[in-house]
Amino acid sequence: MKIFSKDFPEKYKNFSSGYIIIVGKPNAGKSTLLNSLLGEKISIVTHKPQTTRNRILGVKTLPNAQFIFWDTPGYHSGKKVLSRVMLEQINRTLGEIDIVLMLSDVTRPFGKDEEELVNILKNTDKPIILGMNKVDLIRKDKLLLLIDQYKDILPFKEIIPISALKGTNFSDLEKTLKKFLPREPPLFPEDYLTDLPERFLASELVREKIFLLTYKEIPYSTAVVVEEFKEDSEKNLIYIRATIHVEKDSQRKIIIGKRGSMIKRIGKYARVEMEALLGVKIYLELWVKVTPNWTDKKRIIKEFGYDI
């Protein structure tokens, strides 16, 4: 929705603004790219694939452009309802954007998930930019060969080698994105960063620590729901009570750990990062609950706050 009329102020006559979807296979570096472009962490990042589950909106405003990014779940063909819900988010978002920014990981071969994503993108009439990520990890001659291989996969408007982690070629990426954005005034205030509520960010930080500290199926079987979020301005404190949902009792025991050791570590690391993000003291209380097969139940997935 455009919130300015065409008769916008003179300073916006050469301004460009619009929505950009970031897509790619799991662990391509989409969330790292969004955080690096914004200069703030709003999307959780781990070394494990399929960390992102919801669409994450992030806004970056420059003197002559405003980029409104959608960070989406990594494209993968899973059988569970949760996997299908995540894929639906990508398909739905493709109809709402102005540019597609496809991210590939140059350290991994072109695979089935990326092939399926390409087949979906063949049906869009939006300009597609290819960001070849993690170029700091391969030799230049190998990169040139990869660029040549990718040229015929889709009608890319531009192919830009980048490093999301190190910020390599970000200026080239931003110049290219601006070139394909609609000529529009900013759609959000200049200091706007994201539409995510603080309680969602808090739940995501807890989930991130679970991804980092546990193994095998445990991270993928957990959901974090903030049940209570109370601010005490006099004490400069926020009280947060959250429930970690798992699918099996064996998973609950792992999350809790021996004598509560694991849940204490999860809570400690999440609390420290919440305090840095929100700028106040945090009292974090975590509980673990078994919700059998929740990843295959659409009603519960929706109750847990996923974008359906």
C-alpha atoms as a PDB file:
ATOM      1  CA  MET A   1       0.000   0.000   0.000  1.00  0.00           C
ATOM      2  CA  LYS A   2       1.386   3.420  -1.002  1.00  0.00           C
ATOM      3  CA  ILE A   3       1.093   5.852   1.864  1.00  0.00           C
ATOM      4  CA  PHE A   4       2.140   8.959  -0.088  1.00  0.00           C
ATOM      5  CA  SER A   5       0.351  10.585  -2.995  1.00  0.00           C
ATOM      6  CA  LYS A   6       2.070  11.265  -6.322  1.00  0.00           C
ATOM      7  CA  ASP A   7       2.268  14.942  -5.342  1.00  0.00           C
ATOM      8  CA  PHE A   8       5.079  14.291  -2.909  1.00  0.00           C
ATOM      9  CA  PRO A   9       7.630  16.876  -1.734  1.00  0.00           C
ATOM     10  CA  GLU A  10      10.421  18.075  -4.016  1.00  0.00           C
ATOM     11  CA  LYS A  11      13.103  16.213  -2.028  1.00  0.00           C
ATOM     12  CA  TYR A  12      11.515  12.920  -3.085  1.00  0.00           C
ATOM     13  CA  LYS A  13      11.351  13.649  -6.822  1.00  0.00           C
ATOM     14  CA  ASN A  14      14.281  11.309  -7.525  1.00  0.00           C
ATOM     15  CA  PHE A  15      13.526   8.891  -4.717  1.00  0.00           C
ATOM     16  CA  SER A  16      12.966   5.158  -5.230  1.00  0.00           C
ATOM     17  CA  SER A  17      11.213   2.803  -2.853  1.00  0.00           C
ATOM     18  CA  GLY A  18       9.823  -0.700  -2.894  1.00  0.00           C
ATOM     19  CA  TYR A  19       9.716  -4.279  -1.659  1.00  0.00           C
ATOM     20  CA  ILE A  20      12.497  -6.812  -2.235  1.00  0.00           C
ATOM     21  CA  ILE A  21      12.122 -10.502  -1.419  1.00  0.00           C
ATOM     22  CA  ILE A  22      15.285 -12.370  -0.438  1.00  0.00           C
ATOM     23  CA  VAL A  23      15.030 -16.027  -1.488  1.00  0.00           C
ATOM     24  CA  GLY A  24      17.413 -18.966  -1.630  1.00  0.00           C
ATOM     25  CA  LYS A  25      17.975 -22.470  -0.375  1.00  0.00           C
ATOM     26  CA  PRO A  26      18.455 -23.080   3.357  1.00  0.00           C
ATOM     27  CA  ASN A  27      21.662 -21.654   4.812  1.00  0.00           C
ATOM     28  CA  ALA A  28      22.417 -19.500   1.762  1.00  0.00           C
ATOM     29  CA  GLY A  29      22.953 -16.543   4.121  1.00  0.00           C
ATOM     30  CA  LYS A  30      19.673 -14.649   3.688  1.00  0.00           C
ATOM     31  CA  SER A  31      19.281 -13.634   7.339  1.00  0.00           C
ATOM     32  CA  THR A  32      22.965 -12.703   7.622  1.00  0.00           C
ATOM     33  CA  LEU A  33      22.564 -10.510   4.537  1.00  0.00           C
ATOM     34  CA  LEU A  34      19.486  -8.753   5.930  1.00  0.00           C
ATOM     35  CA  ASN A  35      21.144  -8.078   9.292  1.00  0.00           C
ATOM     36  CA  SER A  36      24.331  -6.820   7.614  1.00  0.00           C
ATOM     37  CA  LEU A  37      22.459  -4.512   5.245  1.00  0.00           C
ATOM     38  CA  LEU A  38      20.441  -3.031   8.117  1.00  0.00           C
ATOM     39  CA  GLY A  39      23.366  -2.837  10.538  1.00  0.00           C
ATOM     40  CA  GLU A  40      21.089  -4.395  13.183  1.00  0.00           C
ATOM     41  CA  LYS A  41      20.165  -7.959  14.089  1.00  0.00           C
ATOM     42  CA  ILE A  42      16.460  -8.527  13.492  1.00  0.00           C
ATOM     43  CA  SER A  43      16.614 -12.004  11.950  1.00  0.00           C
ATOM     44  CA  ILE A  44      18.140 -14.900  13.874  1.00  0.00           C
ATOM     45  CA  VAL A  45      21.184 -16.629  12.392  1.00  0.00           C
ATOM     46  CA  THR A  46      22.683 -20.071  13.015  1.00  0.00           C
ATOM     47  CA  HIS A  47      24.934 -22.457  11.091  1.00  0.00           C
ATOM     48  CA  LYS A  48      22.007 -24.864  10.715  1.00  0.00           C
ATOM     49  CA  PRO A  49      19.625 -24.779   7.727  1.00  0.00           C
ATOM     50  CA  GLN A  50      15.939 -23.804   7.989  1.00  0.00           C
ATOM     51  CA  THR A  51      16.446 -21.492  10.957  1.00  0.00           C
ATOM     52  CA  THR A  52      14.083 -18.810   9.608  1.00  0.00           C
ATOM     53  CA  ARG A  53      10.406 -19.805   9.773  1.00  0.00           C
ATOM     54  CA  ASN A  54       8.494 -16.538   9.372  1.00  0.00           C
ATOM     55  CA  ARG A  55       8.805 -13.716   6.896  1.00  0.00           C
ATOM     56  CA  ILE A  56      10.946 -10.992   8.434  1.00  0.00           C
ATOM     57  CA  LEU A  57      10.540  -7.399   7.261  1.00  0.00           C
ATOM     58  CA  GLY A  58      13.511  -5.042   7.433  1.00  0.00           C
ATOM     59  CA  VAL A  59      13.749  -1.462   6.156  1.00  0.00           C
ATOM     60  CA  LYS A  60      16.878   0.401   5.067  1.00  0.00           C
ATOM     61  CA  THR A  61      16.610   4.051   4.080  1.00  0.00           C
ATOM     62  CA  LEU A  62      19.305   5.881   2.097  1.00  0.00           C
ATOM     63  CA  PRO A  63      19.248   9.544   0.982  1.00  0.00           C
ATOM     64  CA  ASN A  64      17.749   8.556  -2.376  1.00  0.00           C
ATOM     65  CA  ALA A  65      16.123   5.162  -1.787  1.00  0.00           C
ATOM     66  CA  GLN A  66      14.276   2.989   0.688  1.00  0.00           C
ATOM     67  CA  PHE A  67      14.730  -0.788   0.518  1.00  0.00           C
ATOM     68  CA  ILE A  68      11.977  -2.842   2.163  1.00  0.00           C
ATOM     69  CA  PHE A  69      13.327  -6.368   2.470  1.00  0.00           C
ATOM     70  CA  TRP A  70      11.419  -9.576   3.107  1.00  0.00           C
ATOM     71  CA  ASP A  71      13.696 -12.290   4.516  1.00  0.00           C
ATOM     72  CA  THR A  72      11.935 -15.587   3.801  1.00  0.00           C
ATOM     73  CA  PRO A  73      12.435 -19.183   4.993  1.00  0.00           C
ATOM     74  CA  GLY A  74      14.950 -21.166   2.969  1.00  0.00           C
ATOM     75  CA  TYR A  75      13.290 -22.990   0.094  1.00  0.00           C
ATOM     76  CA  HIS A  76      13.192 -26.739   0.739  1.00  0.00           C
ATOM     77  CA  SER A  77      10.748 -29.517  -0.096  1.00  0.00           C
ATOM     78  CA  GLY A  78       9.674 -30.885   3.291  1.00  0.00           C
ATOM     79  CA  LYS A  79       6.679 -33.129   3.893  1.00  0.00           C
ATOM     80  CA  LYS A  80       5.442 -31.735   7.209  1.00  0.00           C
ATOM     81  CA  VAL A  81       2.705 -29.098   7.442  1.00  0.00           C
ATOM     82  CA  LEU A  82       5.177 -26.599   8.931  1.00  0.00           C
ATOM     83  CA  SER A  83       7.423 -26.992   5.867  1.00  0.00           C
ATOM     84  CA  ARG A  84       4.481 -26.386   3.517  1.00  0.00           C
ATOM     85  CA  VAL A  85       3.440 -23.318   5.514  1.00  0.00           C
ATOM     86  CA  MET A  86       6.952 -21.902   5.140  1.00  0.00           C
ATOM     87  CA  LEU A  87       6.893 -22.481   1.373  1.00  0.00           C
ATOM     88  CA  GLU A  88       3.483 -20.814   1.105  1.00  0.00           C
ATOM     89  CA  GLN A  89       5.011 -17.701   2.668  1.00  0.00           C
ATOM     90  CA  ILE A  90       7.497 -17.462  -0.201  1.00  0.00           C
ATOM     91  CA  ASN A  91       4.827 -17.947  -2.878  1.00  0.00           C
ATOM     92  CA  ARG A  92       2.530 -15.392  -1.257  1.00  0.00           C
ATOM     93  CA  THR A  93       5.278 -12.808  -0.865  1.00  0.00           C
ATOM     94  CA  LEU A  94       6.281 -13.091  -4.535  1.00  0.00           C
ATOM     95  CA  GLY A  95       2.977 -11.458  -5.415  1.00  0.00           C
ATOM     96  CA  GLU A  96       3.630  -8.468  -3.138  1.00  0.00           C
ATOM     97  CA  ILE A  97       7.115  -7.348  -4.155  1.00  0.00           C
ATOM     98  CA  ASP A  98       8.948  -5.286  -6.774  1.00  0.00           C
ATOM     99  CA  ILE A  99      12.287  -7.141  -6.993  1.00  0.00           C
ATOM    100  CA  VAL A 100      13.475 -10.696  -6.354  1.00  0.00           C
ATOM    101  CA  LEU A 101      16.926 -10.999  -4.795  1.00  0.00           C
ATOM    102  CA  MET A 102      17.959 -14.629  -5.149  1.00  0.00           C
ATOM    103  CA  LEU A 103      20.870 -15.646  -2.963  1.00  0.00           C
ATOM    104  CA  SER A 104      23.102 -18.578  -3.861  1.00  0.00           C
ATOM    105  CA  ASP A 105      25.871 -20.108  -1.756  1.00  0.00           C
ATOM    106  CA  VAL A 106      28.966 -20.422  -3.939  1.00  0.00           C
ATOM    107  CA  THR A 107      30.498 -23.005  -1.571  1.00  0.00           C
ATOM    108  CA  ARG A 108      27.711 -25.521  -2.234  1.00  0.00           C
ATOM    109  CA  PRO A 109      26.635 -27.129  -5.519  1.00  0.00           C
ATOM    110  CA  PHE A 110      23.373 -26.297  -7.254  1.00  0.00           C
ATOM    111  CA  GLY A 111      20.853 -28.747  -5.732  1.00  0.00           C
ATOM    112  CA  LYS A 112      17.260 -29.968  -5.896  1.00  0.00           C
ATOM    113  CA  ASP A 113      15.849 -27.258  -3.605  1.00  0.00           C
ATOM    114  CA  GLU A 114      17.490 -24.505  -5.646  1.00  0.00           C
ATOM    115  CA  GLU A 115      16.208 -26.105  -8.852  1.00  0.00           C
ATOM    116  CA  GLU A 116      12.637 -26.090  -7.516  1.00  0.00           C
ATOM    117  CA  LEU A 117      13.010 -22.440  -6.477  1.00  0.00           C
ATOM    118  CA  VAL A 118      14.225 -21.573  -9.994  1.00  0.00           C
ATOM    119  CA  ASN A 119      11.134 -23.251 -11.470  1.00  0.00           C
ATOM    120  CA  ILE A 120       8.921 -21.045  -9.294  1.00  0.00           C
ATOM    121  CA  LEU A 121      10.831 -17.887 -10.224  1.00  0.00           C
ATOM    122  CA  LYS A 122      10.426 -18.645 -13.928  1.00  0.00           C
ATOM    123  CA  ASN A 123       6.767 -17.656 -13.513  1.00  0.00           C
ATOM    124  CA  THR A 124       7.427 -14.188 -12.081  1.00  0.00           C
ATOM    125  CA  ASP A 125       7.543 -11.065 -14.187  1.00  0.00           C
ATOM    126  CA  LYS A 126       9.521  -9.181 -11.507  1.00  0.00           C
ATOM    127  CA  PRO A 127      13.207  -8.355 -12.106  1.00  0.00           C
ATOM    128  CA  ILE A 128      15.494 -10.979 -10.553  1.00  0.00           C
ATOM    129  CA  ILE A 129      18.928 -10.107  -9.160  1.00  0.00           C
ATOM    130  CA  LEU A 130      21.340 -12.918  -8.278  1.00  0.00           C
ATOM    131  CA  GLY A 131      23.577 -12.393  -5.266  1.00  0.00           C
ATOM    132  CA  MET A 132      26.378 -14.964  -5.242  1.00  0.00           C
ATOM    133  CA  ASN A 133      27.164 -15.159  -1.539  1.00  0.00           C
ATOM    134  CA  LYS A 134      30.266 -16.242   0.406  1.00  0.00           C
ATOM    135  CA  VAL A 135      32.683 -15.190  -2.354  1.00  0.00           C
ATOM    136  CA  ASP A 136      35.344 -14.659   0.320  1.00  0.00           C
ATOM    137  CA  LEU A 137      35.527 -18.463   0.645  1.00  0.00           C
ATOM    138  CA  ILE A 138      36.417 -19.439  -2.950  1.00  0.00           C
ATOM    139  CA  ARG A 139      39.075 -18.591  -5.548  1.00  0.00           C
ATOM    140  CA  LYS A 140      38.318 -15.965  -8.182  1.00  0.00           C
ATOM    141  CA  ASP A 141      38.745 -18.384 -11.119  1.00  0.00           C
ATOM    142  CA  LYS A 142      36.173 -20.755  -9.602  1.00  0.00           C
ATOM    143  CA  LEU A 143      33.790 -17.847  -8.996  1.00  0.00           C
ATOM    144  CA  LEU A 144      34.016 -16.791 -12.646  1.00  0.00           C
ATOM    145  CA  LEU A 145      33.140 -20.330 -13.737  1.00  0.00           C
ATOM    146  CA  LEU A 146      30.117 -20.344 -11.406  1.00  0.00           C
ATOM    147  CA  ILE A 147      28.898 -16.998 -12.709  1.00  0.00           C
ATOM    148  CA  ASP A 148      29.095 -18.383 -16.233  1.00  0.00           C
ATOM    149  CA  GLN A 149      27.096 -21.457 -15.184  1.00  0.00           C
ATOM    150  CA  TYR A 150      24.373 -19.406 -13.487  1.00  0.00           C
ATOM    151  CA  LYS A 151      23.831 -17.043 -16.442  1.00  0.00           C
ATOM    152  CA  ASP A 152      21.472 -19.408 -18.251  1.00  0.00           C
ATOM    153  CA  ILE A 153      19.489 -20.601 -15.219  1.00  0.00           C
ATOM    154  CA  LEU A 154      17.205 -17.540 -15.129  1.00  0.00           C
ATOM    155  CA  PRO A 155      17.028 -14.198 -16.962  1.00  0.00           C
ATOM    156  CA  PHE A 156      18.905 -12.380 -14.195  1.00  0.00           C
ATOM    157  CA  LYS A 157      19.056  -8.597 -14.586  1.00  0.00           C
ATOM    158  CA  GLU A 158      22.369  -8.553 -12.719  1.00  0.00           C
ATOM    159  CA  ILE A 159      24.714 -11.082 -11.093  1.00  0.00           C
ATOM    160  CA  ILE A 160      26.614  -9.642  -8.129  1.00  0.00           C
ATOM    161  CA  PRO A 161      29.261 -11.504  -6.100  1.00  0.00           C
ATOM    162  CA  ILE A 162      28.894 -10.604  -2.419  1.00  0.00           C
ATOM    163  CA  SER A 163      29.838 -11.625   1.087  1.00  0.00           C
ATOM    164  CA  ALA A 164      26.902 -11.132   3.450  1.00  0.00           C
ATOM    165  CA  LEU A 165      29.187 -11.640   6.425  1.00  0.00           C
ATOM    166  CA  LYS A 166      31.879  -9.150   5.379  1.00  0.00           C
ATOM    167  CA  GLY A 167      29.772  -6.645   3.432  1.00  0.00           C
ATOM    168  CA  THR A 168      31.637  -7.219   0.174  1.00  0.00           C
ATOM    169  CA  ASN A 169      30.113  -5.363  -2.810  1.00  0.00           C
ATOM    170  CA  PHE A 170      27.162  -4.034  -0.789  1.00  0.00           C
ATOM    171  CA  SER A 171      27.390  -0.671  -2.554  1.00  0.00           C
ATOM    172  CA  ASP A 172      27.099  -2.396  -5.964  1.00  0.00           C
ATOM    173  CA  LEU A 173      24.155  -4.437  -4.679  1.00  0.00           C
ATOM    174  CA  GLU A 174      22.327  -1.356  -3.385  1.00  0.00           C
ATOM    175  CA  LYS A 175      22.954   0.601  -6.612  1.00  0.00           C
ATOM    176  CA  THR A 176      21.549  -2.293  -8.633  1.00  0.00           C
ATOM    177  CA  LEU A 177      18.472  -2.683  -6.438  1.00  0.00           C
ATOM    178  CA  LYS A 178      17.759   1.050  -6.644  1.00  0.00           C
ATOM    179  CA  LYS A 179      17.905   0.862 -10.433  1.00  0.00           C
ATOM    180  CA  PHE A 180      14.972  -1.556 -10.511  1.00  0.00           C
ATOM    181  CA  LEU A 181      12.849  -0.033  -7.727  1.00  0.00           C
ATOM    182  CA  PRO A 182       9.748   2.013  -8.596  1.00  0.00           C
ATOM    183  CA  ARG A 183      10.097   5.795  -8.462  1.00  0.00           C
ATOM    184  CA  GLU A 184       8.252   6.319  -5.195  1.00  0.00           C
ATOM    185  CA  PRO A 185       8.692   8.332  -1.990  1.00  0.00           C
ATOM    186  CA  PRO A 186       9.569   6.360   1.171  1.00  0.00           C
ATOM    187  CA  LEU A 187       6.822   4.011   2.315  1.00  0.00           C
ATOM    188  CA  PHE A 188       8.042   4.018   5.940  1.00  0.00           C
ATOM    189  CA  PRO A 189       9.537   6.720   8.199  1.00  0.00           C
ATOM    190  CA  GLU A 190      13.270   7.209   7.649  1.00  0.00           C
ATOM    191  CA  ASP A 191      14.220   5.739  11.053  1.00  0.00           C
ATOM    192  CA  TYR A 192      11.938   2.692  10.686  1.00  0.00           C
ATOM    193  CA  LEU A 193      13.728  -0.668  10.971  1.00  0.00           C
ATOM    194  CA  THR A 194      11.138  -3.453  11.245  1.00  0.00           C
ATOM    195  CA  ASP A 195       7.481  -4.165  11.997  1.00  0.00           C
ATOM    196  CA  LEU A 196       8.345  -7.012  14.355  1.00  0.00           C
ATOM    197  CA  PRO A 197       6.989  -6.637  17.895  1.00  0.00           C
ATOM    198  CA  GLU A 198       9.486  -6.936  20.753  1.00  0.00           C
ATOM    199  CA  ARG A 199       7.865 -10.124  22.062  1.00  0.00           C
ATOM    200  CA  PHE A 200       8.409 -11.814  18.687  1.00  0.00           C
ATOM    201  CA  LEU A 201      12.072 -10.790  18.695  1.00  0.00           C
ATOM    202  CA  ALA A 202      12.380 -12.195  22.215  1.00  0.00           C
ATOM    203  CA  SER A 203      10.869 -15.551  21.196  1.00  0.00           C
ATOM    204  CA  GLU A 204      13.169 -15.739  18.178  1.00  0.00           C
ATOM    205  CA  LEU A 205      16.266 -15.142  20.293  1.00  0.00           C
ATOM    206  CA  VAL A 206      15.299 -18.036  22.563  1.00  0.00           C
ATOM    207  CA  ARG A 207      14.742 -20.229  19.513  1.00  0.00           C
ATOM    208  CA  GLU A 208      18.111 -19.195  18.087  1.00  0.00           C
ATOM    209  CA  LYS A 209      19.888 -20.339  21.252  1.00  0.00           C
ATOM    210  CA  ILE A 210      18.084 -23.686  21.048  1.00  0.00           C
ATOM    211  CA  PHE A 211      19.393 -24.066  17.491  1.00  0.00           C
ATOM    212  CA  LEU A 212      22.918 -23.240  18.596  1.00  0.00           C
ATOM    213  CA  LEU A 213      23.005 -25.392  21.727  1.00  0.00           C
ATOM    214  CA  THR A 214      21.095 -28.548  20.754  1.00  0.00           C
ATOM    215  CA  TYR A 215      21.432 -31.099  17.971  1.00  0.00           C
ATOM    216  CA  LYS A 216      19.746 -33.444  15.485  1.00  0.00           C
ATOM    217  CA  GLU A 217      15.958 -33.011  15.362  1.00  0.00           C
ATOM    218  CA  ILE A 218      15.632 -30.977  18.579  1.00  0.00           C
ATOM    219  CA  PRO A 219      15.816 -27.445  17.063  1.00  0.00           C
ATOM    220  CA  TYR A 220      13.330 -28.345  14.312  1.00  0.00           C
ATOM    221  CA  SER A 221      10.826 -29.760  16.797  1.00  0.00           C
ATOM    222  CA  THR A 222      10.693 -26.660  19.001  1.00  0.00           C
ATOM    223  CA  ALA A 223       8.532 -23.561  18.964  1.00  0.00           C
ATOM    224  CA  VAL A 224       8.829 -20.675  21.411  1.00  0.00           C
ATOM    225  CA  VAL A 225       5.718 -18.777  22.510  1.00  0.00           C
ATOM    226  CA  VAL A 226       5.955 -15.702  24.727  1.00  0.00           C
ATOM    227  CA  GLU A 227       3.088 -15.997  27.199  1.00  0.00           C
ATOM    228  CA  GLU A 228       3.795 -12.827  29.179  1.00  0.00           C
ATOM    229  CA  PHE A 229       5.703  -9.636  28.365  1.00  0.00           C
ATOM    230  CA  LYS A 230       5.474  -6.971  31.091  1.00  0.00           C
ATOM    231  CA  GLU A 231       7.419  -3.720  31.235  1.00  0.00           C
ATOM    232  CA  ASP A 232       8.358  -2.022  34.522  1.00  0.00           C
ATOM    233  CA  SER A 233       9.556   1.468  33.576  1.00  0.00           C
ATOM    234  CA  GLU A 234      10.476   2.367  37.158  1.00  0.00           C
ATOM    235  CA  LYS A 235      12.915  -0.553  37.405  1.00  0.00           C
ATOM    236  CA  ASN A 236      13.940  -0.326  33.709  1.00  0.00           C
ATOM    237  CA  LEU A 237      12.998  -4.005  33.498  1.00  0.00           C
ATOM    238  CA  ILE A 238      11.006  -6.300  31.230  1.00  0.00           C
ATOM    239  CA  TYR A 239       9.597  -9.570  32.597  1.00  0.00           C
ATOM    240  CA  ILE A 240       9.254 -12.256  29.932  1.00  0.00           C
ATOM    241  CA  ARG A 241       7.689 -15.676  30.433  1.00  0.00           C
ATOM    242  CA  ALA A 242       7.984 -18.026  27.480  1.00  0.00           C
ATOM    243  CA  THR A 243       7.068 -21.633  26.766  1.00  0.00           C
ATOM    244  CA  ILE A 244       9.282 -23.872  24.664  1.00  0.00           C
ATOM    245  CA  HIS A 245       7.067 -26.414  22.898  1.00  0.00           C
ATOM    246  CA  VAL A 246       8.541 -29.756  21.818  1.00  0.00           C
ATOM    247  CA  GLU A 247       6.960 -32.841  20.288  1.00  0.00           C
ATOM    248  CA  LYS A 248       8.278 -35.622  22.565  1.00  0.00           C
ATOM    249  CA  ASP A 249       9.095 -36.096  26.230  1.00  0.00           C
ATOM    250  CA  SER A 250      12.630 -37.166  25.285  1.00  0.00           C
ATOM    251  CA  GLN A 251      13.086 -33.752  23.629  1.00  0.00           C
ATOM    252  CA  ARG A 252      11.758 -31.998  26.721  1.00  0.00           C
ATOM    253  CA  LYS A 253      14.399 -33.764  28.837  1.00  0.00           C
ATOM    254  CA  ILE A 254      17.165 -32.657  26.462  1.00  0.00           C
ATOM    255  CA  ILE A 255      15.975 -29.024  26.461  1.00  0.00           C
ATOM    256  CA  ILE A 256      15.881 -29.016  30.276  1.00  0.00           C
ATOM    257  CA  GLY A 257      19.187 -30.857  30.625  1.00  0.00           C
ATOM    258  CA  LYS A 258      20.711 -32.487  33.691  1.00  0.00           C
ATOM    259  CA  ARG A 259      19.536 -30.558  36.754  1.00  0.00           C
ATOM    260  CA  GLY A 260      18.234 -27.824  34.430  1.00  0.00           C
ATOM    261  CA  SER A 261      21.679 -27.104  32.960  1.00  0.00           C
ATOM    262  CA  MET A 262      20.601 -26.768  29.308  1.00  0.00           C
ATOM    263  CA  ILE A 263      17.576 -24.540  29.857  1.00  0.00           C
ATOM    264  CA  LYS A 264      19.710 -22.323  32.097  1.00  0.00           C
ATOM    265  CA  ARG A 265      22.255 -21.904  29.284  1.00  0.00           C
ATOM    266  CA  ILE A 266      19.517 -21.178  26.735  1.00  0.00           C
ATOM    267  CA  GLY A 267      17.968 -18.602  29.062  1.00  0.00           C
ATOM    268  CA  LYS A 268      21.292 -16.962  29.950  1.00  0.00           C
ATOM    269  CA  TYR A 269      22.469 -16.462  26.353  1.00  0.00           C
ATOM    270  CA  ALA A 270      19.026 -15.317  25.175  1.00  0.00           C
ATOM    271  CA  ARG A 271      18.668 -12.856  28.068  1.00  0.00           C
ATOM    272  CA  VAL A 272      22.063 -11.252  27.428  1.00  0.00           C
ATOM    273  CA  GLU A 273      21.190 -10.662  23.774  1.00  0.00           C
ATOM    274  CA  MET A 274      17.692  -9.394  24.616  1.00  0.00           C
ATOM    275  CA  GLU A 275      19.181  -6.831  26.985  1.00  0.00           C
ATOM    276  CA  ALA A 276      21.554  -5.620  24.279  1.00  0.00           C
ATOM    277  CA  LEU A 277      18.732  -5.418  21.739  1.00  0.00           C
ATOM    278  CA  LEU A 278      16.076  -3.785  23.934  1.00  0.00           C
ATOM    279  CA  GLY A 279      18.377  -1.671  26.120  1.00  0.00           C
ATOM    280  CA  VAL A 280      16.783  -2.715  29.432  1.00  0.00           C
ATOM    281  CA  LYS A 281      17.249  -5.399  32.072  1.00  0.00           C
ATOM    282  CA  ILE A 282      15.430  -8.652  31.299  1.00  0.00           C
ATOM    283  CA  TYR A 283      13.956 -11.192  33.693  1.00  0.00           C
ATOM    284  CA  LEU A 284      13.438 -14.276  31.547  1.00  0.00           C
ATOM    285  CA  GLU A 285      11.470 -17.301  32.720  1.00  0.00           C
ATOM    286  CA  LEU A 286      11.396 -20.384  30.475  1.00  0.00           C
ATOM    287  CA  TRP A 287       9.142 -23.442  30.641  1.00  0.00           C
ATOM    288  CA  VAL A 288       9.117 -26.571  28.460  1.00  0.00           C
ATOM    289  CA  LYS A 289       5.916 -28.269  27.335  1.00  0.00           C
ATOM    290  CA  VAL A 290       5.269 -31.352  25.185  1.00  0.00           C
ATOM    291  CA  THR A 291       2.820 -30.607  22.345  1.00  0.00           C
ATOM    292  CA  PRO A 292       2.750 -33.851  20.323  1.00  0.00           C
ATOM    293  CA  ASN A 293       3.272 -33.549  16.533  1.00  0.00           C
ATOM    294  CA  TRP A 294       2.690 -29.794  16.525  1.00  0.00           C
ATOM    295  CA  THR A 295       4.718 -29.367  13.286  1.00  0.00           C
ATOM    296  CA  ASP A 296       2.023 -31.368  11.462  1.00  0.00           C
ATOM    297  CA  LYS A 297      -1.009 -29.514  12.855  1.00  0.00           C
ATOM    298  CA  LYS A 298      -1.946 -26.331  11.020  1.00  0.00           C
ATOM    299  CA  ARG A 299      -4.193 -25.022  13.802  1.00  0.00           C
ATOM    300  CA  ILE A 300      -1.417 -25.262  16.397  1.00  0.00           C
ATOM    301  CA  ILE A 301       1.159 -23.820  13.993  1.00  0.00           C
ATOM    302  CA  LYS A 302      -1.117 -20.798  13.611  1.00  0.00           C
ATOM    303  CA  GLU A 303      -1.638 -20.564  17.377  1.00  0.00           C
ATOM    304  CA  PHE A 304       2.129 -20.480  17.807  1.00  0.00           C
ATOM    305  CA  GLY A 305       2.248 -17.318  15.692  1.00  0.00           C
ATOM    306  CA  TYR A 306       3.438 -18.560  12.338  1.00  0.00           C
ATOM    307  CA  ASP A 307       2.363 -16.594   9.286  1.00  0.00           C
ATOM    308  CA  ILE A 308      -0.351 -18.706   7.652  1.00  0.00           C
END
